[in-house]
Amino acid sequence: LIATGKYRKTPFIAMEFVDGESLDRVLHRRGRLGWEDVVSYGKQLCEALQHAHDEGIIHRDLKPSNLMITRD
């Protein structure tokens, strides 16, 4: 998280740039994922959500377009 605030009465959250591709685009480009990728992405997602929850953050819009797949 870089910053939060309001601009002309509209709330905003500024976050770091993530160089990657959203999961919905990966699925559109590749079609179905193999089980190995599903397990790997699922494990990473669970770890990220646990970290967020440990920090008191609840992600209320979890969907493929909000999940970034990076090269590493």
PDB file of N, CA and C in Angstrom:
ATOM      1  N   LEU A   1       0.849  -1.175   0.000  1.00  0.00           N
ATOM      2  CA  LEU A   1       0.000   0.000   0.000  1.00  0.00           C
ATOM      3  C   LEU A   1       0.896   1.242   0.000  1.00  0.00           C
ATOM      4  N   ILE A   2       0.632   2.112  -0.941  1.00  0.00           N
ATOM      5  CA  ILE A   2       1.432   3.332  -1.049  1.00  0.00           C
ATOM      6  C   ILE A   2       0.720   4.510  -0.383  1.00  0.00           C
ATOM      7  N   ALA A   3      -0.574   4.643  -0.649  1.00  0.00           N
ATOM      8  CA  ALA A   3      -1.303   5.775  -0.086  1.00  0.00           C
ATOM      9  C   ALA A   3      -2.803   5.509  -0.130  1.00  0.00           C
ATOM     10  N   THR A   4      -3.525   6.208   0.733  1.00  0.00           N
ATOM     11  CA  THR A   4      -4.982   6.218   0.697  1.00  0.00           C
ATOM     12  C   THR A   4      -5.431   7.658   0.894  1.00  0.00           C
ATOM     13  N   GLY A   5      -6.624   7.930   0.490  1.00  0.00           N
ATOM     14  CA  GLY A   5      -7.142   9.275   0.687  1.00  0.00           C
ATOM     15  C   GLY A   5      -8.401   9.502  -0.118  1.00  0.00           C
ATOM     16  N   LYS A   6      -8.686  10.752  -0.361  1.00  0.00           N
ATOM     17  CA  LYS A   6      -9.830  11.135  -1.175  1.00  0.00           C
ATOM     18  C   LYS A   6      -9.368  12.159  -2.203  1.00  0.00           C
ATOM     19  N   TYR A   7      -9.903  12.045  -3.389  1.00  0.00           N
ATOM     20  CA  TYR A   7      -9.659  13.012  -4.451  1.00  0.00           C
ATOM     21  C   TYR A   7     -11.026  13.479  -4.923  1.00  0.00           C
ATOM     22  N   ARG A   8     -11.313  14.731  -4.734  1.00  0.00           N
ATOM     23  CA  ARG A   8     -12.619  15.301  -5.084  1.00  0.00           C
ATOM     24  C   ARG A   8     -13.754  14.465  -4.482  1.00  0.00           C
ATOM     25  N   LYS A   9     -13.610  14.132  -3.210  1.00  0.00           N
ATOM     26  CA  LYS A   9     -14.591  13.378  -2.426  1.00  0.00           C
ATOM     27  C   LYS A   9     -14.697  11.899  -2.811  1.00  0.00           C
ATOM     28  N   THR A  10     -13.824  11.420  -3.684  1.00  0.00           N
ATOM     29  CA  THR A  10     -13.826  10.011  -4.065  1.00  0.00           C
ATOM     30  C   THR A  10     -12.667   9.305  -3.381  1.00  0.00           C
ATOM     31  N   PRO A  11     -12.956   8.274  -2.564  1.00  0.00           N
ATOM     32  CA  PRO A  11     -11.877   7.555  -1.886  1.00  0.00           C
ATOM     33  C   PRO A  11     -10.982   6.809  -2.888  1.00  0.00           C
ATOM     34  N   PHE A  12      -9.694   6.689  -2.563  1.00  0.00           N
ATOM     35  CA  PHE A  12      -8.784   5.935  -3.410  1.00  0.00           C
ATOM     36  C   PHE A  12      -7.775   5.169  -2.566  1.00  0.00           C
ATOM     37  N   ILE A  13      -7.217   4.134  -3.182  1.00  0.00           N
ATOM     38  CA  ILE A  13      -6.104   3.368  -2.616  1.00  0.00           C
ATOM     39  C   ILE A  13      -5.058   3.274  -3.709  1.00  0.00           C
ATOM     40  N   ALA A  14      -3.836   3.701  -3.442  1.00  0.00           N
ATOM     41  CA  ALA A  14      -2.737   3.578  -4.402  1.00  0.00           C
ATOM     42  C   ALA A  14      -1.859   2.423  -3.946  1.00  0.00           C
ATOM     43  N   MET A  15      -1.612   1.494  -4.876  1.00  0.00           N
ATOM     44  CA  MET A  15      -0.827   0.307  -4.553  1.00  0.00           C
ATOM     45  C   MET A  15       0.346   0.199  -5.518  1.00  0.00           C
ATOM     46  N   GLU A  16       1.306  -0.634  -5.167  1.00  0.00           N
ATOM     47  CA  GLU A  16       2.478  -0.828  -6.006  1.00  0.00           C
ATOM     48  C   GLU A  16       2.089  -1.454  -7.346  1.00  0.00           C
ATOM     49  N   PHE A  17       2.879  -1.191  -8.381  1.00  0.00           N
ATOM     50  CA  PHE A  17       2.686  -1.785  -9.688  1.00  0.00           C
ATOM     51  C   PHE A  17       3.176  -3.232  -9.657  1.00  0.00           C
ATOM     52  N   VAL A  18       2.361  -4.137 -10.159  1.00  0.00           N
ATOM     53  CA  VAL A  18       2.741  -5.549 -10.244  1.00  0.00           C
ATOM     54  C   VAL A  18       2.893  -5.886 -11.712  1.00  0.00           C
ATOM     55  N   ASP A  19       4.101  -6.257 -12.107  1.00  0.00           N
ATOM     56  CA  ASP A  19       4.381  -6.601 -13.497  1.00  0.00           C
ATOM     57  C   ASP A  19       3.974  -8.047 -13.735  1.00  0.00           C
ATOM     58  N   GLY A  20       2.813  -8.222 -14.324  1.00  0.00           N
ATOM     59  CA  GLY A  20       2.311  -9.567 -14.567  1.00  0.00           C
ATOM     60  C   GLY A  20       1.061  -9.522 -15.416  1.00  0.00           C
ATOM     61  N   GLU A  21       0.315 -10.607 -15.364  1.00  0.00           N
ATOM     62  CA  GLU A  21      -0.888 -10.765 -16.173  1.00  0.00           C
ATOM     63  C   GLU A  21      -1.990 -11.292 -15.253  1.00  0.00           C
ATOM     64  N   SER A  22      -3.171 -10.750 -15.366  1.00  0.00           N
ATOM     65  CA  SER A  22      -4.258 -11.207 -14.502  1.00  0.00           C
ATOM     66  C   SER A  22      -4.636 -12.646 -14.862  1.00  0.00           C
ATOM     67  N   LEU A  23      -5.138 -13.362 -13.865  1.00  0.00           N
ATOM     68  CA  LEU A  23      -5.502 -14.761 -14.078  1.00  0.00           C
ATOM     69  C   LEU A  23      -6.584 -14.901 -15.134  1.00  0.00           C
ATOM     70  N   ASP A  24      -7.517 -13.972 -15.219  1.00  0.00           N
ATOM     71  CA  ASP A  24      -8.547 -14.098 -16.247  1.00  0.00           C
ATOM     72  C   ASP A  24      -7.952 -13.999 -17.655  1.00  0.00           C
ATOM     73  N   ARG A  25      -6.920 -13.182 -17.822  1.00  0.00           N
ATOM     74  CA  ARG A  25      -6.257 -13.104 -19.140  1.00  0.00           C
ATOM     75  C   ARG A  25      -5.454 -14.372 -19.435  1.00  0.00           C
ATOM     76  N   VAL A  26      -4.811 -14.911 -18.409  1.00  0.00           N
ATOM     77  CA  VAL A  26      -4.080 -16.177 -18.578  1.00  0.00           C
ATOM     78  C   VAL A  26      -5.050 -17.264 -19.017  1.00  0.00           C
ATOM     79  N   LEU A  27      -6.200 -17.344 -18.347  1.00  0.00           N
ATOM     80  CA  LEU A  27      -7.194 -18.360 -18.702  1.00  0.00           C
ATOM     81  C   LEU A  27      -7.728 -18.149 -20.117  1.00  0.00           C
ATOM     82  N   HIS A  28      -7.943 -16.899 -20.500  1.00  0.00           N
ATOM     83  CA  HIS A  28      -8.426 -16.619 -21.856  1.00  0.00           C
ATOM     84  C   HIS A  28      -7.385 -17.029 -22.905  1.00  0.00           C
ATOM     85  N   ARG A  29      -6.121 -16.756 -22.616  1.00  0.00           N
ATOM     86  CA  ARG A  29      -5.039 -17.053 -23.561  1.00  0.00           C
ATOM     87  C   ARG A  29      -4.725 -18.541 -23.615  1.00  0.00           C
ATOM     88  N   ARG A  30      -4.657 -19.198 -22.451  1.00  0.00           N
ATOM     89  CA  ARG A  30      -4.218 -20.588 -22.385  1.00  0.00           C
ATOM     90  C   ARG A  30      -5.353 -21.602 -22.325  1.00  0.00           C
ATOM     91  N   GLY A  31      -6.535 -21.149 -21.973  1.00  0.00           N
ATOM     92  CA  GLY A  31      -7.627 -22.095 -21.756  1.00  0.00           C
ATOM     93  C   GLY A  31      -7.500 -22.696 -20.365  1.00  0.00           C
ATOM     94  N   ARG A  32      -7.837 -23.936 -20.224  1.00  0.00           N
ATOM     95  CA  ARG A  32      -7.782 -24.592 -18.923  1.00  0.00           C
ATOM     96  C   ARG A  32      -6.346 -24.721 -18.441  1.00  0.00           C
ATOM     97  N   LEU A  33      -6.195 -24.651 -17.125  1.00  0.00           N
ATOM     98  CA  LEU A  33      -4.886 -24.827 -16.507  1.00  0.00           C
ATOM     99  C   LEU A  33      -4.726 -26.282 -16.091  1.00  0.00           C
ATOM    100  N   GLY A  34      -3.496 -26.752 -16.120  1.00  0.00           N
ATOM    101  CA  GLY A  34      -3.197 -28.081 -15.610  1.00  0.00           C
ATOM    102  C   GLY A  34      -3.320 -28.100 -14.097  1.00  0.00           C
ATOM    103  N   TRP A  35      -3.503 -29.281 -13.531  1.00  0.00           N
ATOM    104  CA  TRP A  35      -3.697 -29.382 -12.085  1.00  0.00           C
ATOM    105  C   TRP A  35      -2.498 -28.857 -11.305  1.00  0.00           C
ATOM    106  N   GLU A  36      -1.291 -29.000 -11.881  1.00  0.00           N
ATOM    107  CA  GLU A  36      -0.107 -28.509 -11.194  1.00  0.00           C
ATOM    108  C   GLU A  36      -0.160 -26.994 -11.002  1.00  0.00           C
ATOM    109  N   ASP A  37      -0.580 -26.288 -12.065  1.00  0.00           N
ATOM    110  CA  ASP A  37      -0.705 -24.825 -11.974  1.00  0.00           C
ATOM    111  C   ASP A  37      -1.819 -24.437 -11.003  1.00  0.00           C
ATOM    112  N   VAL A  38      -2.932 -25.151 -11.040  1.00  0.00           N
ATOM    113  CA  VAL A  38      -4.051 -24.851 -10.145  1.00  0.00           C
ATOM    114  C   VAL A  38      -3.606 -24.991  -8.692  1.00  0.00           C
ATOM    115  N   VAL A  39      -2.892 -26.077  -8.378  1.00  0.00           N
ATOM    116  CA  VAL A  39      -2.421 -26.291  -7.007  1.00  0.00           C
ATOM    117  C   VAL A  39      -1.416 -25.216  -6.617  1.00  0.00           C
ATOM    118  N   SER A  40      -0.484 -24.890  -7.511  1.00  0.00           N
ATOM    119  CA  SER A  40       0.523 -23.874  -7.215  1.00  0.00           C
ATOM    120  C   SER A  40      -0.120 -22.507  -6.979  1.00  0.00           C
ATOM    121  N   TYR A  41      -0.999 -22.091  -7.880  1.00  0.00           N
ATOM    122  CA  TYR A  41      -1.667 -20.796  -7.726  1.00  0.00           C
ATOM    123  C   TYR A  41      -2.548 -20.794  -6.481  1.00  0.00           C
ATOM    124  N   GLY A  42      -3.247 -21.887  -6.231  1.00  0.00           N
ATOM    125  CA  GLY A  42      -4.117 -21.978  -5.065  1.00  0.00           C
ATOM    126  C   GLY A  42      -3.340 -21.854  -3.768  1.00  0.00           C
ATOM    127  N   LYS A  43      -2.191 -22.515  -3.700  1.00  0.00           N
ATOM    128  CA  LYS A  43      -1.367 -22.443  -2.496  1.00  0.00           C
ATOM    129  C   LYS A  43      -0.876 -21.006  -2.265  1.00  0.00           C
ATOM    130  N   GLN A  44      -0.402 -20.366  -3.337  1.00  0.00           N
ATOM    131  CA  GLN A  44       0.074 -18.991  -3.212  1.00  0.00           C
ATOM    132  C   GLN A  44      -1.063 -18.049  -2.813  1.00  0.00           C
ATOM    133  N   LEU A  45      -2.245 -18.274  -3.361  1.00  0.00           N
ATOM    134  CA  LEU A  45      -3.401 -17.448  -3.027  1.00  0.00           C
ATOM    135  C   LEU A  45      -3.760 -17.599  -1.550  1.00  0.00           C
ATOM    136  N   CYS A  46      -3.774 -18.832  -1.061  1.00  0.00           N
ATOM    137  CA  CYS A  46      -4.092 -19.062   0.353  1.00  0.00           C
ATOM    138  C   CYS A  46      -3.067 -18.394   1.266  1.00  0.00           C
ATOM    139  N   GLU A  47      -1.797 -18.476   0.896  1.00  0.00           N
ATOM    140  CA  GLU A  47      -0.751 -17.828   1.701  1.00  0.00           C
ATOM    141  C   GLU A  47      -0.929 -16.311   1.707  1.00  0.00           C
ATOM    142  N   ALA A  48      -1.255 -15.745   0.552  1.00  0.00           N
ATOM    143  CA  ALA A  48      -1.447 -14.292   0.467  1.00  0.00           C
ATOM    144  C   ALA A  48      -2.666 -13.857   1.271  1.00  0.00           C
ATOM    145  N   LEU A  49      -3.749 -14.602   1.179  1.00  0.00           N
ATOM    146  CA  LEU A  49      -4.946 -14.257   1.943  1.00  0.00           C
ATOM    147  C   LEU A  49      -4.706 -14.398   3.441  1.00  0.00           C
ATOM    148  N   GLN A  50      -3.962 -15.415   3.848  1.00  0.00           N
ATOM    149  CA  GLN A  50      -3.661 -15.577   5.268  1.00  0.00           C
ATOM    150  C   GLN A  50      -2.846 -14.392   5.770  1.00  0.00           C
ATOM    151  N   HIS A  51      -1.862 -13.964   4.976  1.00  0.00           N
ATOM    152  CA  HIS A  51      -1.057 -12.804   5.361  1.00  0.00           C
ATOM    153  C   HIS A  51      -1.941 -11.562   5.492  1.00  0.00           C
ATOM    154  N   ALA A  52      -2.815 -11.350   4.515  1.00  0.00           N
ATOM    155  CA  ALA A  52      -3.712 -10.194   4.575  1.00  0.00           C
ATOM    156  C   ALA A  52      -4.597 -10.273   5.823  1.00  0.00           C
ATOM    157  N   HIS A  53      -5.150 -11.438   6.092  1.00  0.00           N
ATOM    158  CA  HIS A  53      -6.017 -11.587   7.268  1.00  0.00           C
ATOM    159  C   HIS A  53      -5.243 -11.364   8.561  1.00  0.00           C
ATOM    160  N   ASP A  54      -3.995 -11.836   8.598  1.00  0.00           N
ATOM    161  CA  ASP A  54      -3.153 -11.606   9.776  1.00  0.00           C
ATOM    162  C   ASP A  54      -2.924 -10.114  10.016  1.00  0.00           C
ATOM    163  N   GLU A  55      -2.965  -9.321   8.948  1.00  0.00           N
ATOM    164  CA  GLU A  55      -2.791  -7.870   9.045  1.00  0.00           C
ATOM    165  C   GLU A  55      -4.126  -7.138   9.215  1.00  0.00           C
ATOM    166  N   GLY A  56      -5.211  -7.894   9.350  1.00  0.00           N
ATOM    167  CA  GLY A  56      -6.525  -7.285   9.549  1.00  0.00           C
ATOM    168  C   GLY A  56      -7.201  -6.823   8.272  1.00  0.00           C
ATOM    169  N   ILE A  57      -6.749  -7.333   7.137  1.00  0.00           N
ATOM    170  CA  ILE A  57      -7.302  -6.928   5.838  1.00  0.00           C
ATOM    171  C   ILE A  57      -8.169  -8.060   5.300  1.00  0.00           C
ATOM    172  N   ILE A  58      -9.367  -7.706   4.845  1.00  0.00           N
ATOM    173  CA  ILE A  58     -10.258  -8.682   4.229  1.00  0.00           C
ATOM    174  C   ILE A  58     -10.454  -8.273   2.776  1.00  0.00           C
ATOM    175  N   HIS A  59     -10.102  -9.157   1.852  1.00  0.00           N
ATOM    176  CA  HIS A  59     -10.261  -8.885   0.420  1.00  0.00           C
ATOM    177  C   HIS A  59     -11.700  -9.211   0.057  1.00  0.00           C
ATOM    178  N   ARG A  60     -12.433  -8.214  -0.384  1.00  0.00           N
ATOM    179  CA  ARG A  60     -13.865  -8.410  -0.629  1.00  0.00           C
ATOM    180  C   ARG A  60     -14.208  -8.517  -2.101  1.00  0.00           C
ATOM    181  N   ASP A  61     -13.209  -8.659  -2.963  1.00  0.00           N
ATOM    182  CA  ASP A  61     -13.488  -8.756  -4.397  1.00  0.00           C
ATOM    183  C   ASP A  61     -12.514  -9.739  -5.035  1.00  0.00           C
ATOM    184  N   LEU A  62     -12.519 -10.955  -4.531  1.00  0.00           N
ATOM    185  CA  LEU A  62     -11.601 -11.990  -5.007  1.00  0.00           C
ATOM    186  C   LEU A  62     -12.168 -12.631  -6.264  1.00  0.00           C
ATOM    187  N   LYS A  63     -11.454 -12.452  -7.387  1.00  0.00           N
ATOM    188  CA  LYS A  63     -11.872 -13.008  -8.673  1.00  0.00           C
ATOM    189  C   LYS A  63     -10.654 -13.055  -9.577  1.00  0.00           C
ATOM    190  N   PRO A  64     -10.709 -13.856 -10.649  1.00  0.00           N
ATOM    191  CA  PRO A  64      -9.534 -14.008 -11.526  1.00  0.00           C
ATOM    192  C   PRO A  64      -8.970 -12.693 -12.066  1.00  0.00           C
ATOM    193  N   SER A  65      -9.807 -11.711 -12.329  1.00  0.00           N
ATOM    194  CA  SER A  65      -9.275 -10.447 -12.855  1.00  0.00           C
ATOM    195  C   SER A  65      -8.507  -9.659 -11.808  1.00  0.00           C
ATOM    196  N   ASN A  66      -8.627 -10.026 -10.530  1.00  0.00           N
ATOM    197  CA  ASN A  66      -7.892  -9.350  -9.457  1.00  0.00           C
ATOM    198  C   ASN A  66      -6.706 -10.153  -8.950  1.00  0.00           C
ATOM    199  N   LEU A  67      -6.393 -11.234  -9.606  1.00  0.00           N
ATOM    200  CA  LEU A  67      -5.244 -12.064  -9.232  1.00  0.00           C
ATOM    201  C   LEU A  67      -4.166 -11.930 -10.294  1.00  0.00           C
ATOM    202  N   MET A  68      -2.982 -11.515  -9.893  1.00  0.00           N
ATOM    203  CA  MET A  68      -1.902 -11.303 -10.849  1.00  0.00           C
ATOM    204  C   MET A  68      -0.941 -12.493 -10.857  1.00  0.00           C
ATOM    205  N   ILE A  69      -0.628 -12.944 -12.053  1.00  0.00           N
ATOM    206  CA  ILE A  69       0.348 -14.018 -12.258  1.00  0.00           C
ATOM    207  C   ILE A  69       1.614 -13.339 -12.768  1.00  0.00           C
ATOM    208  N   THR A  70       2.709 -13.516 -12.012  1.00  0.00           N
ATOM    209  CA  THR A  70       3.976 -12.921 -12.409  1.00  0.00           C
ATOM    210  C   THR A  70       4.919 -13.997 -12.934  1.00  0.00           C
ATOM    211  N   ARG A  71       6.025 -13.584 -13.518  1.00  0.00           N
ATOM    212  CA  ARG A  71       6.973 -14.549 -14.074  1.00  0.00           C
ATOM    213  C   ARG A  71       7.591 -15.436 -13.007  1.00  0.00           C
ATOM    214  N   ASP A  72       7.795 -14.877 -11.827  1.00  0.00           N
ATOM    215  CA  ASP A  72       8.423 -15.682 -10.770  1.00  0.00           C
ATOM    216  C   ASP A  72       7.393 -16.194  -9.800  1.00  0.00           C
TER     217      ASP A  72
END
